[in-house]
Amino acid sequence: MKRLIVISGPANTGKMPLARKLMADAPELALVHRDDIRRDLCATVDEGVVTHLMGEMARLLLGVGYPVIVCAWNLQKSDHDLWFEIARDTDAPIVWLDVRAREVAAMIPPL
């Protein structure tokens, strides 16, 4: 089922362990992860460009019916606006998981 799951929170707060847990339960989820994109680029680019690339990847995947999980800080209003716009444009239900929320933090598997 097409959907957009956004995991947000500061660095080193359990975003990727939570993403891995969700992907283990739903292997069809396509991961769009800021650190992976930044690492795989051959040049150092502005963080705004990385965010733009993440958005375009998610939009493309959702547009062809894949469910997507996005993992990044996503703490700025512009981040919220971007992901909700993409969800609206692709008719994808969105779930926002902020690891700072108690109920979300409880979902993070122990390391």
C-alpha atoms as a PDB file:
ATOM      1  CA  MET A   1       0.000   0.000   0.000  1.00  0.00           C
ATOM      2  CA  LYS A   2       1.365   3.400  -0.994  1.00  0.00           C
ATOM      3  CA  ARG A   3       2.176   5.550   2.034  1.00  0.00           C
ATOM      4  CA  LEU A   4       4.794   7.990   3.270  1.00  0.00           C
ATOM      5  CA  ILE A   5       6.379   7.440   6.661  1.00  0.00           C
ATOM      6  CA  VAL A   6       8.599  10.276   7.875  1.00  0.00           C
ATOM      7  CA  ILE A   7      10.934   9.657  10.801  1.00  0.00           C
ATOM      8  CA  SER A   8      12.283  12.814  12.394  1.00  0.00           C
ATOM      9  CA  GLY A   9      14.511  13.743  15.289  1.00  0.00           C
ATOM     10  CA  PRO A  10      17.968  15.029  16.179  1.00  0.00           C
ATOM     11  CA  ALA A  11      21.153  13.119  15.396  1.00  0.00           C
ATOM     12  CA  ASN A  12      21.765   9.819  17.160  1.00  0.00           C
ATOM     13  CA  THR A  13      18.271   9.483  18.609  1.00  0.00           C
ATOM     14  CA  GLY A  14      17.249   6.150  17.079  1.00  0.00           C
ATOM     15  CA  LYS A  15      15.800   7.133  13.705  1.00  0.00           C
ATOM     16  CA  MET A  16      17.572   4.404  11.729  1.00  0.00           C
ATOM     17  CA  PRO A  17      16.959   1.596  14.255  1.00  0.00           C
ATOM     18  CA  LEU A  18      13.270   2.526  14.096  1.00  0.00           C
ATOM     19  CA  ALA A  19      13.374   2.615  10.277  1.00  0.00           C
ATOM     20  CA  ARG A  20      15.033  -0.825  10.174  1.00  0.00           C
ATOM     21  CA  LYS A  21      12.370  -2.225  12.510  1.00  0.00           C
ATOM     22  CA  LEU A  22       9.569  -0.838  10.347  1.00  0.00           C
ATOM     23  CA  MET A  23      11.243  -2.124   7.180  1.00  0.00           C
ATOM     24  CA  ALA A  24      11.650  -5.596   8.715  1.00  0.00           C
ATOM     25  CA  ASP A  25       7.889  -5.649   9.281  1.00  0.00           C
ATOM     26  CA  ALA A  26       7.173  -4.190   5.814  1.00  0.00           C
ATOM     27  CA  PRO A  27      10.009  -5.089   3.408  1.00  0.00           C
ATOM     28  CA  GLU A  28       8.247  -3.316   0.533  1.00  0.00           C
ATOM     29  CA  LEU A  29       9.146   0.063   2.085  1.00  0.00           C
ATOM     30  CA  ALA A  30      11.670   2.023   0.020  1.00  0.00           C
ATOM     31  CA  LEU A  31      14.132   3.884   2.250  1.00  0.00           C
ATOM     32  CA  VAL A  32      15.115   7.465   1.433  1.00  0.00           C
ATOM     33  CA  HIS A  33      17.837   8.305   3.958  1.00  0.00           C
ATOM     34  CA  ARG A  34      19.667  11.618   4.062  1.00  0.00           C
ATOM     35  CA  ASP A  35      22.974  10.087   5.197  1.00  0.00           C
ATOM     36  CA  ASP A  36      22.938   7.533   2.357  1.00  0.00           C
ATOM     37  CA  ILE A  37      22.318  10.194  -0.275  1.00  0.00           C
ATOM     38  CA  ARG A  38      24.997  12.500   1.107  1.00  0.00           C
ATOM     39  CA  ARG A  39      27.498   9.624   1.342  1.00  0.00           C
ATOM     40  CA  ASP A  40      26.830   8.377  -2.190  1.00  0.00           C
ATOM     41  CA  LEU A  41      27.239  11.726  -3.914  1.00  0.00           C
ATOM     42  CA  CYS A  42      30.626  12.224  -5.536  1.00  0.00           C
ATOM     43  CA  ALA A  43      30.745  15.887  -4.548  1.00  0.00           C
ATOM     44  CA  THR A  44      30.019  17.836  -1.433  1.00  0.00           C
ATOM     45  CA  VAL A  45      26.691  19.563  -1.934  1.00  0.00           C
ATOM     46  CA  ASP A  46      24.627  21.958   0.110  1.00  0.00           C
ATOM     47  CA  GLU A  47      22.196  20.330   2.568  1.00  0.00           C
ATOM     48  CA  GLY A  48      19.346  22.051   0.737  1.00  0.00           C
ATOM     49  CA  VAL A  49      20.292  20.099  -2.385  1.00  0.00           C
ATOM     50  CA  VAL A  50      20.284  16.851  -0.392  1.00  0.00           C
ATOM     51  CA  THR A  51      16.792  17.672   0.902  1.00  0.00           C
ATOM     52  CA  HIS A  52      15.647  18.422  -2.654  1.00  0.00           C
ATOM     53  CA  LEU A  53      17.048  15.083  -3.861  1.00  0.00           C
ATOM     54  CA  MET A  54      15.301  13.256  -1.028  1.00  0.00           C
ATOM     55  CA  GLY A  55      12.019  14.892  -1.943  1.00  0.00           C
ATOM     56  CA  GLU A  56      12.363  14.061  -5.629  1.00  0.00           C
ATOM     57  CA  MET A  57      13.260  10.441  -4.890  1.00  0.00           C
ATOM     58  CA  ALA A  58      10.287  10.051  -2.565  1.00  0.00           C
ATOM     59  CA  ARG A  59       7.942  11.775  -5.031  1.00  0.00           C
ATOM     60  CA  LEU A  60       9.064   9.466  -7.853  1.00  0.00           C
ATOM     61  CA  LEU A  61       8.744   6.301  -5.766  1.00  0.00           C
ATOM     62  CA  LEU A  62       5.325   7.274  -4.423  1.00  0.00           C
ATOM     63  CA  GLY A  63       4.238   8.279  -7.923  1.00  0.00           C
ATOM     64  CA  VAL A  64       4.768   4.730  -9.160  1.00  0.00           C
ATOM     65  CA  GLY A  65       3.075   3.206  -6.125  1.00  0.00           C
ATOM     66  CA  TYR A  66       5.888   2.338  -3.721  1.00  0.00           C
ATOM     67  CA  PRO A  67       5.513   2.966  -0.008  1.00  0.00           C
ATOM     68  CA  VAL A  68       8.352   5.181   1.221  1.00  0.00           C
ATOM     69  CA  ILE A  69      10.068   5.691   4.542  1.00  0.00           C
ATOM     70  CA  VAL A  70      12.066   8.915   4.896  1.00  0.00           C
ATOM     71  CA  CYS A  71      14.724   9.186   7.564  1.00  0.00           C
ATOM     72  CA  ALA A  72      16.304  12.568   8.338  1.00  0.00           C
ATOM     73  CA  TRP A  73      16.219  15.272  10.972  1.00  0.00           C
ATOM     74  CA  ASN A  74      13.065  16.853   9.428  1.00  0.00           C
ATOM     75  CA  LEU A  75      12.919  19.402  12.229  1.00  0.00           C
ATOM     76  CA  GLN A  76      12.337  22.596  10.218  1.00  0.00           C
ATOM     77  CA  LYS A  77       8.929  23.910   9.139  1.00  0.00           C
ATOM     78  CA  SER A  78      10.154  23.712   5.540  1.00  0.00           C
ATOM     79  CA  ASP A  79      10.801  19.963   6.037  1.00  0.00           C
ATOM     80  CA  HIS A  80       7.260  19.452   7.324  1.00  0.00           C
ATOM     81  CA  ASP A  81       5.868  21.472   4.429  1.00  0.00           C
ATOM     82  CA  LEU A  82       7.893  19.459   1.884  1.00  0.00           C
ATOM     83  CA  TRP A  83       6.754  16.031   3.063  1.00  0.00           C
ATOM     84  CA  PHE A  84       3.110  17.009   3.484  1.00  0.00           C
ATOM     85  CA  GLU A  85       3.147  18.580   0.002  1.00  0.00           C
ATOM     86  CA  ILE A  86       4.610  15.397  -1.497  1.00  0.00           C
ATOM     87  CA  ALA A  87       2.042  13.258   0.334  1.00  0.00           C
ATOM     88  CA  ARG A  88      -0.762  15.484  -0.951  1.00  0.00           C
ATOM     89  CA  ASP A  89       0.576  15.574  -4.527  1.00  0.00           C
ATOM     90  CA  THR A  90       0.937  11.779  -4.683  1.00  0.00           C
ATOM     91  CA  ASP A  91      -2.248  10.947  -2.740  1.00  0.00           C
ATOM     92  CA  ALA A  92      -0.168   9.075  -0.179  1.00  0.00           C
ATOM     93  CA  PRO A  93      -1.267   8.824   3.435  1.00  0.00           C
ATOM     94  CA  ILE A  94       1.457  10.234   5.669  1.00  0.00           C
ATOM     95  CA  VAL A  95       2.597   9.065   9.084  1.00  0.00           C
ATOM     96  CA  TRP A  96       4.984  11.353  10.969  1.00  0.00           C
ATOM     97  CA  LEU A  97       7.122   9.667  13.634  1.00  0.00           C
ATOM     98  CA  ASP A  98       9.160  12.071  15.754  1.00  0.00           C
ATOM     99  CA  VAL A  99      11.528  10.061  17.938  1.00  0.00           C
ATOM    100  CA  ARG A 100      11.305  12.766  20.618  1.00  0.00           C
ATOM    101  CA  ALA A 101       7.694  11.746  21.265  1.00  0.00           C
ATOM    102  CA  ARG A 102       7.385   9.225  24.093  1.00  0.00           C
ATOM    103  CA  GLU A 103       5.143   6.843  22.146  1.00  0.00           C
ATOM    104  CA  VAL A 104       7.531   6.851  19.161  1.00  0.00           C
ATOM    105  CA  ALA A 105      10.638   6.478  21.323  1.00  0.00           C
ATOM    106  CA  ALA A 106       9.023   3.392  22.844  1.00  0.00           C
ATOM    107  CA  MET A 107       8.944   1.832  19.357  1.00  0.00           C
ATOM    108  CA  ILE A 108      12.746   2.084  18.945  1.00  0.00           C
ATOM    109  CA  PRO A 109      14.367  -1.311  19.474  1.00  0.00           C
ATOM    110  CA  PRO A 110      17.107  -1.512  22.104  1.00  0.00           C
ATOM    111  CA  LEU A 111      20.636  -1.408  20.742  1.00  0.00           C
END
